[in-house]
Amino acid sequence: MDAPNDLELRSTLARLREDHRDLDAAISALEMAAIPNRIQLQRLKKRKLAIKDQLSRLEALLVPDIIA
């Protein structure tokens, strides 16, 4: 199995960061609603957390292993 190259990783990271920002804006807007939809808020927050986890994993792949 080939490891993804840096360019693909960086592209994926950029897309995920944008998705994360979009979800953050959607969550903020939904929280400001007169009667926020709690179920939808919970789903958006779960999606945002999943994206954050993906970001962490992919960023770790870009950091070289350095033995100190």
PDB file of N, CA and C in Angstrom:
ATOM      1  N   MET A   1       0.844  -1.177   0.000  1.00  0.00           N
ATOM      2  CA  MET A   1       0.000   0.000   0.000  1.00  0.00           C
ATOM      3  C   MET A   1       0.890   1.241   0.000  1.00  0.00           C
ATOM      4  N   ASP A   2       0.705   2.123  -0.952  1.00  0.00           N
ATOM      5  CA  ASP A   2       1.508   3.333  -1.055  1.00  0.00           C
ATOM      6  C   ASP A   2       1.051   4.376  -0.055  1.00  0.00           C
ATOM      7  N   ALA A   3       2.026   5.033   0.564  1.00  0.00           N
ATOM      8  CA  ALA A   3       1.692   6.135   1.474  1.00  0.00           C
ATOM      9  C   ALA A   3       1.356   7.359   0.623  1.00  0.00           C
ATOM     10  N   PRO A   4       0.341   8.119   1.032  1.00  0.00           N
ATOM     11  CA  PRO A   4      -0.017   9.314   0.265  1.00  0.00           C
ATOM     12  C   PRO A   4       1.127  10.323   0.299  1.00  0.00           C
ATOM     13  N   ASN A   5       1.331  11.012  -0.807  1.00  0.00           N
ATOM     14  CA  ASN A   5       2.424  11.973  -0.831  1.00  0.00           C
ATOM     15  C   ASN A   5       2.022  13.265  -0.125  1.00  0.00           C
ATOM     16  N   ASP A   6       3.023  14.109   0.133  1.00  0.00           N
ATOM     17  CA  ASP A   6       2.795  15.346   0.882  1.00  0.00           C
ATOM     18  C   ASP A   6       1.784  16.264   0.207  1.00  0.00           C
ATOM     19  N   LEU A   7       1.825  16.333  -1.102  1.00  0.00           N
ATOM     20  CA  LEU A   7       0.911  17.222  -1.819  1.00  0.00           C
ATOM     21  C   LEU A   7      -0.543  16.803  -1.614  1.00  0.00           C
ATOM     22  N   GLU A   8      -0.794  15.506  -1.699  1.00  0.00           N
ATOM     23  CA  GLU A   8      -2.158  15.005  -1.472  1.00  0.00           C
ATOM     24  C   GLU A   8      -2.598  15.269  -0.036  1.00  0.00           C
ATOM     25  N   LEU A   9      -1.686  15.035   0.914  1.00  0.00           N
ATOM     26  CA  LEU A   9      -2.002  15.272   2.324  1.00  0.00           C
ATOM     27  C   LEU A   9      -2.327  16.742   2.571  1.00  0.00           C
ATOM     28  N   ARG A  10      -1.511  17.619   2.023  1.00  0.00           N
ATOM     29  CA  ARG A  10      -1.731  19.059   2.223  1.00  0.00           C
ATOM     30  C   ARG A  10      -3.047  19.513   1.587  1.00  0.00           C
ATOM     31  N   SER A  11      -3.374  18.952   0.451  1.00  0.00           N
ATOM     32  CA  SER A  11      -4.635  19.273  -0.210  1.00  0.00           C
ATOM     33  C   SER A  11      -5.821  18.808   0.635  1.00  0.00           C
ATOM     34  N   THR A  12      -5.727  17.604   1.143  1.00  0.00           N
ATOM     35  CA  THR A  12      -6.782  17.065   2.000  1.00  0.00           C
ATOM     36  C   THR A  12      -6.900  17.885   3.279  1.00  0.00           C
ATOM     37  N   LEU A  13      -5.761  18.258   3.859  1.00  0.00           N
ATOM     38  CA  LEU A  13      -5.771  19.083   5.068  1.00  0.00           C
ATOM     39  C   LEU A  13      -6.460  20.422   4.819  1.00  0.00           C
ATOM     40  N   ALA A  14      -6.169  21.035   3.695  1.00  0.00           N
ATOM     41  CA  ALA A  14      -6.783  22.330   3.372  1.00  0.00           C
ATOM     42  C   ALA A  14      -8.299  22.190   3.248  1.00  0.00           C
ATOM     43  N   ARG A  15      -8.746  21.129   2.594  1.00  0.00           N
ATOM     44  CA  ARG A  15     -10.187  20.899   2.442  1.00  0.00           C
ATOM     45  C   ARG A  15     -10.841  20.656   3.797  1.00  0.00           C
ATOM     46  N   LEU A  16     -10.203  19.844   4.628  1.00  0.00           N
ATOM     47  CA  LEU A  16     -10.759  19.549   5.949  1.00  0.00           C
ATOM     48  C   LEU A  16     -10.794  20.793   6.836  1.00  0.00           C
ATOM     49  N   ARG A  17      -9.763  21.625   6.752  1.00  0.00           N
ATOM     50  CA  ARG A  17      -9.758  22.870   7.536  1.00  0.00           C
ATOM     51  C   ARG A  17     -10.901  23.778   7.114  1.00  0.00           C
ATOM     52  N   GLU A  18     -11.155  23.831   5.810  1.00  0.00           N
ATOM     53  CA  GLU A  18     -12.262  24.644   5.305  1.00  0.00           C
ATOM     54  C   GLU A  18     -13.600  24.081   5.788  1.00  0.00           C
ATOM     55  N   ASP A  19     -13.751  22.772   5.737  1.00  0.00           N
ATOM     56  CA  ASP A  19     -14.976  22.135   6.232  1.00  0.00           C
ATOM     57  C   ASP A  19     -15.164  22.420   7.726  1.00  0.00           C
ATOM     58  N   HIS A  20     -14.076  22.381   8.471  1.00  0.00           N
ATOM     59  CA  HIS A  20     -14.117  22.636   9.913  1.00  0.00           C
ATOM     60  C   HIS A  20     -14.584  24.068  10.184  1.00  0.00           C
ATOM     61  N   ARG A  21     -14.034  25.020   9.433  1.00  0.00           N
ATOM     62  CA  ARG A  21     -14.447  26.434   9.581  1.00  0.00           C
ATOM     63  C   ARG A  21     -15.920  26.610   9.208  1.00  0.00           C
ATOM     64  N   ASP A  22     -16.342  25.964   8.134  1.00  0.00           N
ATOM     65  CA  ASP A  22     -17.744  26.059   7.708  1.00  0.00           C
ATOM     66  C   ASP A  22     -18.688  25.502   8.772  1.00  0.00           C
ATOM     67  N   LEU A  23     -18.312  24.377   9.353  1.00  0.00           N
ATOM     68  CA  LEU A  23     -19.135  23.787  10.413  1.00  0.00           C
ATOM     69  C   LEU A  23     -19.172  24.702  11.633  1.00  0.00           C
ATOM     70  N   ASP A  24     -18.047  25.319  11.945  1.00  0.00           N
ATOM     71  CA  ASP A  24     -17.997  26.241  13.074  1.00  0.00           C
ATOM     72  C   ASP A  24     -18.954  27.405  12.857  1.00  0.00           C
ATOM     73  N   ALA A  25     -18.967  27.942  11.650  1.00  0.00           N
ATOM     74  CA  ALA A  25     -19.879  29.041  11.326  1.00  0.00           C
ATOM     75  C   ALA A  25     -21.334  28.578  11.386  1.00  0.00           C
ATOM     76  N   ALA A  26     -21.614  27.391  10.888  1.00  0.00           N
ATOM     77  CA  ALA A  26     -22.981  26.863  10.913  1.00  0.00           C
ATOM     78  C   ALA A  26     -23.452  26.633  12.346  1.00  0.00           C
ATOM     79  N   ILE A  27     -22.554  26.115  13.180  1.00  0.00           N
ATOM     80  CA  ILE A  27     -22.893  25.887  14.586  1.00  0.00           C
ATOM     81  C   ILE A  27     -23.183  27.209  15.283  1.00  0.00           C
ATOM     82  N   SER A  28     -22.339  28.197  15.039  1.00  0.00           N
ATOM     83  CA  SER A  28     -22.549  29.512  15.655  1.00  0.00           C
ATOM     84  C   SER A  28     -23.883  30.112  15.226  1.00  0.00           C
ATOM     85  N   ALA A  29     -24.191  30.020  13.948  1.00  0.00           N
ATOM     86  CA  ALA A  29     -25.448  30.573  13.442  1.00  0.00           C
ATOM     87  C   ALA A  29     -26.642  29.838  14.048  1.00  0.00           C
ATOM     88  N   LEU A  30     -26.542  28.527  14.151  1.00  0.00           N
ATOM     89  CA  LEU A  30     -27.642  27.737  14.707  1.00  0.00           C
ATOM     90  C   LEU A  30     -27.845  28.029  16.198  1.00  0.00           C
ATOM     91  N   GLU A  31     -26.741  28.258  16.912  1.00  0.00           N
ATOM     92  CA  GLU A  31     -26.840  28.582  18.333  1.00  0.00           C
ATOM     93  C   GLU A  31     -27.488  29.950  18.559  1.00  0.00           C
ATOM     94  N   MET A  32     -27.363  30.843  17.590  1.00  0.00           N
ATOM     95  CA  MET A  32     -27.942  32.182  17.706  1.00  0.00           C
ATOM     96  C   MET A  32     -29.431  32.209  17.370  1.00  0.00           C
ATOM     97  N   ALA A  33     -29.935  31.121  16.821  1.00  0.00           N
ATOM     98  CA  ALA A  33     -31.348  31.064  16.447  1.00  0.00           C
ATOM     99  C   ALA A  33     -32.224  31.213  17.684  1.00  0.00           C
ATOM    100  N   ALA A  34     -33.425  31.742  17.471  1.00  0.00           N
ATOM    101  CA  ALA A  34     -34.361  31.936  18.580  1.00  0.00           C
ATOM    102  C   ALA A  34     -34.640  30.614  19.288  1.00  0.00           C
ATOM    103  N   ILE A  35     -34.866  29.577  18.516  1.00  0.00           N
ATOM    104  CA  ILE A  35     -35.083  28.235  19.074  1.00  0.00           C
ATOM    105  C   ILE A  35     -34.118  27.287  18.344  1.00  0.00           C
ATOM    106  N   PRO A  36     -32.922  27.105  18.890  1.00  0.00           N
ATOM    107  CA  PRO A  36     -31.942  26.252  18.207  1.00  0.00           C
ATOM    108  C   PRO A  36     -32.389  24.786  18.172  1.00  0.00           C
ATOM    109  N   ASN A  37     -32.127  24.158  17.066  1.00  0.00           N
ATOM    110  CA  ASN A  37     -32.439  22.740  16.886  1.00  0.00           C
ATOM    111  C   ASN A  37     -31.313  21.942  17.542  1.00  0.00           C
ATOM    112  N   ARG A  38     -31.556  21.411  18.728  1.00  0.00           N
ATOM    113  CA  ARG A  38     -30.519  20.722  19.515  1.00  0.00           C
ATOM    114  C   ARG A  38     -29.991  19.475  18.816  1.00  0.00           C
ATOM    115  N   ILE A  39     -30.847  18.753  18.143  1.00  0.00           N
ATOM    116  CA  ILE A  39     -30.408  17.536  17.452  1.00  0.00           C
ATOM    117  C   ILE A  39     -29.459  17.894  16.311  1.00  0.00           C
ATOM    118  N   GLN A  40     -29.821  18.898  15.533  1.00  0.00           N
ATOM    119  CA  GLN A  40     -28.963  19.321  14.436  1.00  0.00           C
ATOM    120  C   GLN A  40     -27.640  19.867  14.978  1.00  0.00           C
ATOM    121  N   LEU A  41     -27.701  20.612  16.069  1.00  0.00           N
ATOM    122  CA  LEU A  41     -26.482  21.134  16.692  1.00  0.00           C
ATOM    123  C   LEU A  41     -25.559  19.992  17.113  1.00  0.00           C
ATOM    124  N   GLN A  42     -26.120  18.988  17.729  1.00  0.00           N
ATOM    125  CA  GLN A  42     -25.334  17.850  18.176  1.00  0.00           C
ATOM    126  C   GLN A  42     -24.678  17.131  16.997  1.00  0.00           C
ATOM    127  N   ARG A  43     -25.415  16.963  15.925  1.00  0.00           N
ATOM    128  CA  ARG A  43     -24.859  16.303  14.730  1.00  0.00           C
ATOM    129  C   ARG A  43     -23.720  17.116  14.129  1.00  0.00           C
ATOM    130  N   LEU A  44     -23.909  18.427  14.033  1.00  0.00           N
ATOM    131  CA  LEU A  44     -22.856  19.283  13.487  1.00  0.00           C
ATOM    132  C   LEU A  44     -21.608  19.253  14.363  1.00  0.00           C
ATOM    133  N   LYS A  45     -21.806  19.258  15.661  1.00  0.00           N
ATOM    134  CA  LYS A  45     -20.663  19.221  16.579  1.00  0.00           C
ATOM    135  C   LYS A  45     -19.920  17.892  16.484  1.00  0.00           C
ATOM    136  N   LYS A  46     -20.649  16.799  16.307  1.00  0.00           N
ATOM    137  CA  LYS A  46     -20.010  15.491  16.135  1.00  0.00           C
ATOM    138  C   LYS A  46     -19.195  15.455  14.842  1.00  0.00           C
ATOM    139  N   ARG A  47     -19.785  16.017  13.768  1.00  0.00           N
ATOM    140  CA  ARG A  47     -19.064  16.072  12.488  1.00  0.00           C
ATOM    141  C   ARG A  47     -17.805  16.913  12.607  1.00  0.00           C
ATOM    142  N   LYS A  48     -17.934  18.034  13.312  1.00  0.00           N
ATOM    143  CA  LYS A  48     -16.788  18.930  13.498  1.00  0.00           C
ATOM    144  C   LYS A  48     -15.681  18.215  14.274  1.00  0.00           C
ATOM    145  N   LEU A  49     -16.045  17.471  15.309  1.00  0.00           N
ATOM    146  CA  LEU A  49     -15.069  16.726  16.095  1.00  0.00           C
ATOM    147  C   LEU A  49     -14.400  15.634  15.262  1.00  0.00           C
ATOM    148  N   ALA A  50     -15.175  14.956  14.430  1.00  0.00           N
ATOM    149  CA  ALA A  50     -14.614  13.913  13.564  1.00  0.00           C
ATOM    150  C   ALA A  50     -13.601  14.518  12.590  1.00  0.00           C
ATOM    151  N   ILE A  51     -13.922  15.691  12.058  1.00  0.00           N
ATOM    152  CA  ILE A  51     -12.999  16.365  11.140  1.00  0.00           C
ATOM    153  C   ILE A  51     -11.731  16.777  11.890  1.00  0.00           C
ATOM    154  N   LYS A  52     -11.887  17.244  13.118  1.00  0.00           N
ATOM    155  CA  LYS A  52     -10.724  17.635  13.914  1.00  0.00           C
ATOM    156  C   LYS A  52      -9.818  16.423  14.146  1.00  0.00           C
ATOM    157  N   ASP A  53     -10.415  15.271  14.412  1.00  0.00           N
ATOM    158  CA  ASP A  53      -9.627  14.047  14.595  1.00  0.00           C
ATOM    159  C   ASP A  53      -8.883  13.676  13.314  1.00  0.00           C
ATOM    160  N   GLN A  54      -9.555  13.801  12.174  1.00  0.00           N
ATOM    161  CA  GLN A  54      -8.909  13.516  10.889  1.00  0.00           C
ATOM    162  C   GLN A  54      -7.745  14.477  10.668  1.00  0.00           C
ATOM    163  N   LEU A  55      -7.956  15.747  10.978  1.00  0.00           N
ATOM    164  CA  LEU A  55      -6.897  16.746  10.823  1.00  0.00           C
ATOM    165  C   LEU A  55      -5.677  16.370  11.664  1.00  0.00           C
ATOM    166  N   SER A  56      -5.908  15.975  12.886  1.00  0.00           N
ATOM    167  CA  SER A  56      -4.805  15.601  13.780  1.00  0.00           C
ATOM    168  C   SER A  56      -4.021  14.415  13.223  1.00  0.00           C
ATOM    169  N   ARG A  57      -4.743  13.406  12.727  1.00  0.00           N
ATOM    170  CA  ARG A  57      -4.071  12.224  12.176  1.00  0.00           C
ATOM    171  C   ARG A  57      -3.239  12.581  10.944  1.00  0.00           C
ATOM    172  N   LEU A  58      -3.817  13.382  10.053  1.00  0.00           N
ATOM    173  CA  LEU A  58      -3.099  13.738   8.830  1.00  0.00           C
ATOM    174  C   LEU A  58      -1.916  14.651   9.117  1.00  0.00           C
ATOM    175  N   GLU A  59      -2.066  15.570  10.056  1.00  0.00           N
ATOM    176  CA  GLU A  59      -0.953  16.454  10.415  1.00  0.00           C
ATOM    177  C   GLU A  59       0.185  15.651  11.020  1.00  0.00           C
ATOM    178  N   ALA A  60      -0.142  14.610  11.772  1.00  0.00           N
ATOM    179  CA  ALA A  60       0.886  13.754  12.353  1.00  0.00           C
ATOM    180  C   ALA A  60       1.679  13.020  11.265  1.00  0.00           C
ATOM    181  N   LEU A  61       1.028  12.709  10.156  1.00  0.00           N
ATOM    182  CA  LEU A  61       1.731  12.043   9.051  1.00  0.00           C
ATOM    183  C   LEU A  61       2.749  12.961   8.392  1.00  0.00           C
ATOM    184  N   LEU A  62       2.522  14.255   8.447  1.00  0.00           N
ATOM    185  CA  LEU A  62       3.439  15.205   7.811  1.00  0.00           C
ATOM    186  C   LEU A  62       4.647  15.508   8.673  1.00  0.00           C
ATOM    187  N   VAL A  63       4.535  15.273   9.975  1.00  0.00           N
ATOM    188  CA  VAL A  63       5.650  15.551  10.878  1.00  0.00           C
ATOM    189  C   VAL A  63       6.608  14.374  10.843  1.00  0.00           C
ATOM    190  N   PRO A  64       7.877  14.638  10.516  1.00  0.00           N
ATOM    191  CA  PRO A  64       8.829  13.531  10.455  1.00  0.00           C
ATOM    192  C   PRO A  64       9.110  12.972  11.856  1.00  0.00           C
ATOM    193  N   ASP A  65       9.376  11.672  11.908  1.00  0.00           N
ATOM    194  CA  ASP A  65       9.758  11.040  13.176  1.00  0.00           C
ATOM    195  C   ASP A  65      11.187  11.427  13.509  1.00  0.00           C
ATOM    196  N   ILE A  66      11.358  12.072  14.640  1.00  0.00           N
ATOM    197  CA  ILE A  66      12.696  12.482  15.064  1.00  0.00           C
ATOM    198  C   ILE A  66      12.991  11.788  16.383  1.00  0.00           C
ATOM    199  N   ILE A  67      14.059  11.036  16.376  1.00  0.00           N
ATOM    200  CA  ILE A  67      14.456  10.360  17.600  1.00  0.00           C
ATOM    201  C   ILE A  67      15.402  11.282  18.349  1.00  0.00           C
ATOM    202  N   ALA A  68      14.988  11.654  19.541  1.00  0.00           N
ATOM    203  CA  ALA A  68      15.807  12.597  20.330  1.00  0.00           C
ATOM    204  C   ALA A  68      16.650  11.849  21.322  1.00  0.00           C
TER     205      ALA A  68
END
